[in-house]
Amino acid sequence: SPTIIKGTYTVSIRFYSIAKGIEDGKLLLILDGNYFGSEITTHGRSDTKTQNVTVSIGEVTFDETRTHHLRILAGDDMGIYIDYLEFEPVNP
């Protein structure tokens, strides 16, 4: 993974959400061995509109500049379509 400069970041995820009447395609993020944010449901955000969705996960502070480990843990057996994860500096 790339090196992230020390500081505080707002983290968001963008994904493709398939229109359906039930919610599935669930995931959790694990950052440096700790759960980060809460469970995200990617599909079924609308039962009529397939769309790209951006969700804010929360803020994280890194105390040193180094690489970090991010794991994506599936919450069910449905496929998910992640576009990107964004780490945006809070006060650059």
C-alpha atoms as a PDB file:
ATOM      1  CA  SER A   1       0.000   0.000   0.000  1.00  0.00           C
ATOM      2  CA  PRO A   2       1.188   3.574  -0.537  1.00  0.00           C
ATOM      3  CA  THR A   3       2.793   5.637   2.204  1.00  0.00           C
ATOM      4  CA  ILE A   4       0.363   7.978   3.956  1.00  0.00           C
ATOM      5  CA  ILE A   5       1.725  11.207   5.456  1.00  0.00           C
ATOM      6  CA  LYS A   6       1.057  11.677   9.179  1.00  0.00           C
ATOM      7  CA  GLY A   7      -2.028  13.738   9.970  1.00  0.00           C
ATOM      8  CA  THR A   8      -5.806  13.474  10.252  1.00  0.00           C
ATOM      9  CA  TYR A   9      -7.912  12.331   7.303  1.00  0.00           C
ATOM     10  CA  THR A  10     -11.581  11.995   6.457  1.00  0.00           C
ATOM     11  CA  VAL A  11     -12.060   8.610   4.805  1.00  0.00           C
ATOM     12  CA  SER A  12     -14.773   7.863   2.257  1.00  0.00           C
ATOM     13  CA  ILE A  13     -15.582   5.016  -0.107  1.00  0.00           C
ATOM     14  CA  ARG A  14     -17.238   5.153  -3.536  1.00  0.00           C
ATOM     15  CA  PHE A  15     -18.998   2.111  -4.943  1.00  0.00           C
ATOM     16  CA  TYR A  16     -21.537   0.951  -7.512  1.00  0.00           C
ATOM     17  CA  SER A  17     -24.943   0.195  -5.958  1.00  0.00           C
ATOM     18  CA  ILE A  18     -27.257  -2.148  -7.837  1.00  0.00           C
ATOM     19  CA  ALA A  19     -30.978  -1.320  -7.626  1.00  0.00           C
ATOM     20  CA  LYS A  20     -32.855  -4.056  -5.769  1.00  0.00           C
ATOM     21  CA  GLY A  21     -35.511  -4.492  -3.129  1.00  0.00           C
ATOM     22  CA  ILE A  22     -33.171  -5.972  -0.511  1.00  0.00           C
ATOM     23  CA  GLU A  23     -29.916  -4.677   0.945  1.00  0.00           C
ATOM     24  CA  ASP A  24     -26.805  -6.818   0.475  1.00  0.00           C
ATOM     25  CA  GLY A  25     -23.191  -6.570  -0.638  1.00  0.00           C
ATOM     26  CA  LYS A  26     -22.048  -5.779   2.909  1.00  0.00           C
ATOM     27  CA  LEU A  27     -18.493  -4.985   3.952  1.00  0.00           C
ATOM     28  CA  LEU A  28     -16.399  -3.854   6.900  1.00  0.00           C
ATOM     29  CA  LEU A  29     -13.024  -2.108   6.815  1.00  0.00           C
ATOM     30  CA  ILE A  30     -10.078  -3.099   8.997  1.00  0.00           C
ATOM     31  CA  LEU A  31      -7.309  -0.483   9.158  1.00  0.00           C
ATOM     32  CA  ASP A  32      -4.000  -1.493  10.758  1.00  0.00           C
ATOM     33  CA  GLY A  33      -5.712  -4.407  12.523  1.00  0.00           C
ATOM     34  CA  ASN A  34      -8.651  -2.405  13.951  1.00  0.00           C
ATOM     35  CA  TYR A  35     -12.213  -2.185  12.675  1.00  0.00           C
ATOM     36  CA  PHE A  36     -12.829   1.220  11.143  1.00  0.00           C
ATOM     37  CA  GLY A  37     -16.317   2.678  10.712  1.00  0.00           C
ATOM     38  CA  SER A  38     -19.419   0.524  10.665  1.00  0.00           C
ATOM     39  CA  GLU A  39     -20.800  -2.058   8.251  1.00  0.00           C
ATOM     40  CA  ILE A  40     -21.520  -0.643   4.798  1.00  0.00           C
ATOM     41  CA  THR A  41     -24.285  -2.027   2.570  1.00  0.00           C
ATOM     42  CA  THR A  42     -23.491  -1.452  -1.089  1.00  0.00           C
ATOM     43  CA  HIS A  43     -26.531  -2.829  -2.962  1.00  0.00           C
ATOM     44  CA  GLY A  44     -30.224  -1.982  -2.520  1.00  0.00           C
ATOM     45  CA  ARG A  45     -29.772   1.672  -1.566  1.00  0.00           C
ATOM     46  CA  SER A  46     -32.617   2.213  -4.031  1.00  0.00           C
ATOM     47  CA  ASP A  47     -35.015  -0.330  -5.466  1.00  0.00           C
ATOM     48  CA  THR A  48     -35.391   1.645  -8.718  1.00  0.00           C
ATOM     49  CA  LYS A  49     -32.064   3.363  -9.432  1.00  0.00           C
ATOM     50  CA  THR A  50     -28.657   1.765  -9.995  1.00  0.00           C
ATOM     51  CA  GLN A  51     -26.079   4.377  -9.034  1.00  0.00           C
ATOM     52  CA  ASN A  52     -22.575   5.268  -7.871  1.00  0.00           C
ATOM     53  CA  VAL A  53     -22.596   6.140  -4.167  1.00  0.00           C
ATOM     54  CA  THR A  54     -20.021   7.853  -1.931  1.00  0.00           C
ATOM     55  CA  VAL A  55     -20.191   7.176   1.813  1.00  0.00           C
ATOM     56  CA  SER A  56     -18.156   8.895   4.533  1.00  0.00           C
ATOM     57  CA  ILE A  57     -16.618   6.299   6.837  1.00  0.00           C
ATOM     58  CA  GLY A  58     -15.086   8.592   9.454  1.00  0.00           C
ATOM     59  CA  GLU A  59     -11.861  10.272  10.529  1.00  0.00           C
ATOM     60  CA  VAL A  60      -8.528   8.642  11.238  1.00  0.00           C
ATOM     61  CA  THR A  61      -5.286  10.114  12.584  1.00  0.00           C
ATOM     62  CA  PHE A  62      -1.891   8.699  11.639  1.00  0.00           C
ATOM     63  CA  ASP A  63       0.894   9.613  14.073  1.00  0.00           C
ATOM     64  CA  GLU A  64       3.725   8.869  11.650  1.00  0.00           C
ATOM     65  CA  THR A  65       4.370   8.785   7.919  1.00  0.00           C
ATOM     66  CA  ARG A  66       4.444   5.131   6.805  1.00  0.00           C
ATOM     67  CA  THR A  67       2.515   2.460   4.939  1.00  0.00           C
ATOM     68  CA  HIS A  68      -0.692   1.121   6.486  1.00  0.00           C
ATOM     69  CA  HIS A  69      -2.699  -2.074   6.070  1.00  0.00           C
ATOM     70  CA  LEU A  70      -6.322  -1.890   4.912  1.00  0.00           C
ATOM     71  CA  ARG A  71      -8.440  -5.038   4.708  1.00  0.00           C
ATOM     72  CA  ILE A  72     -11.956  -5.296   3.310  1.00  0.00           C
ATOM     73  CA  LEU A  73     -14.016  -7.930   5.083  1.00  0.00           C
ATOM     74  CA  ALA A  74     -17.097  -9.273   3.309  1.00  0.00           C
ATOM     75  CA  GLY A  75     -20.264  -9.218   5.429  1.00  0.00           C
ATOM     76  CA  ASP A  76     -22.122 -11.617   3.124  1.00  0.00           C
ATOM     77  CA  ASP A  77     -21.460 -13.669  -0.014  1.00  0.00           C
ATOM     78  CA  MET A  78     -22.618 -11.040  -2.538  1.00  0.00           C
ATOM     79  CA  GLY A  79     -20.206  -9.325  -4.907  1.00  0.00           C
ATOM     80  CA  ILE A  80     -19.293  -5.672  -4.370  1.00  0.00           C
ATOM     81  CA  TYR A  81     -17.989  -3.084  -6.834  1.00  0.00           C
ATOM     82  CA  ILE A  82     -15.653  -0.583  -5.162  1.00  0.00           C
ATOM     83  CA  ASP A  83     -14.479   2.368  -7.231  1.00  0.00           C
ATOM     84  CA  TYR A  84     -12.088   3.920  -4.685  1.00  0.00           C
ATOM     85  CA  LEU A  85     -11.237   4.740  -1.073  1.00  0.00           C
ATOM     86  CA  GLU A  86     -10.278   8.362  -0.422  1.00  0.00           C
ATOM     87  CA  PHE A  87      -8.138   9.729   2.407  1.00  0.00           C
ATOM     88  CA  GLU A  88      -8.720  13.494   2.393  1.00  0.00           C
ATOM     89  CA  PRO A  89      -6.570  15.627   4.752  1.00  0.00           C
ATOM     90  CA  VAL A  90      -8.681  17.468   7.359  1.00  0.00           C
ATOM     91  CA  ASN A  91      -6.361  20.474   7.775  1.00  0.00           C
ATOM     92  CA  PRO A  92      -3.654  20.272   5.117  1.00  0.00           C
END
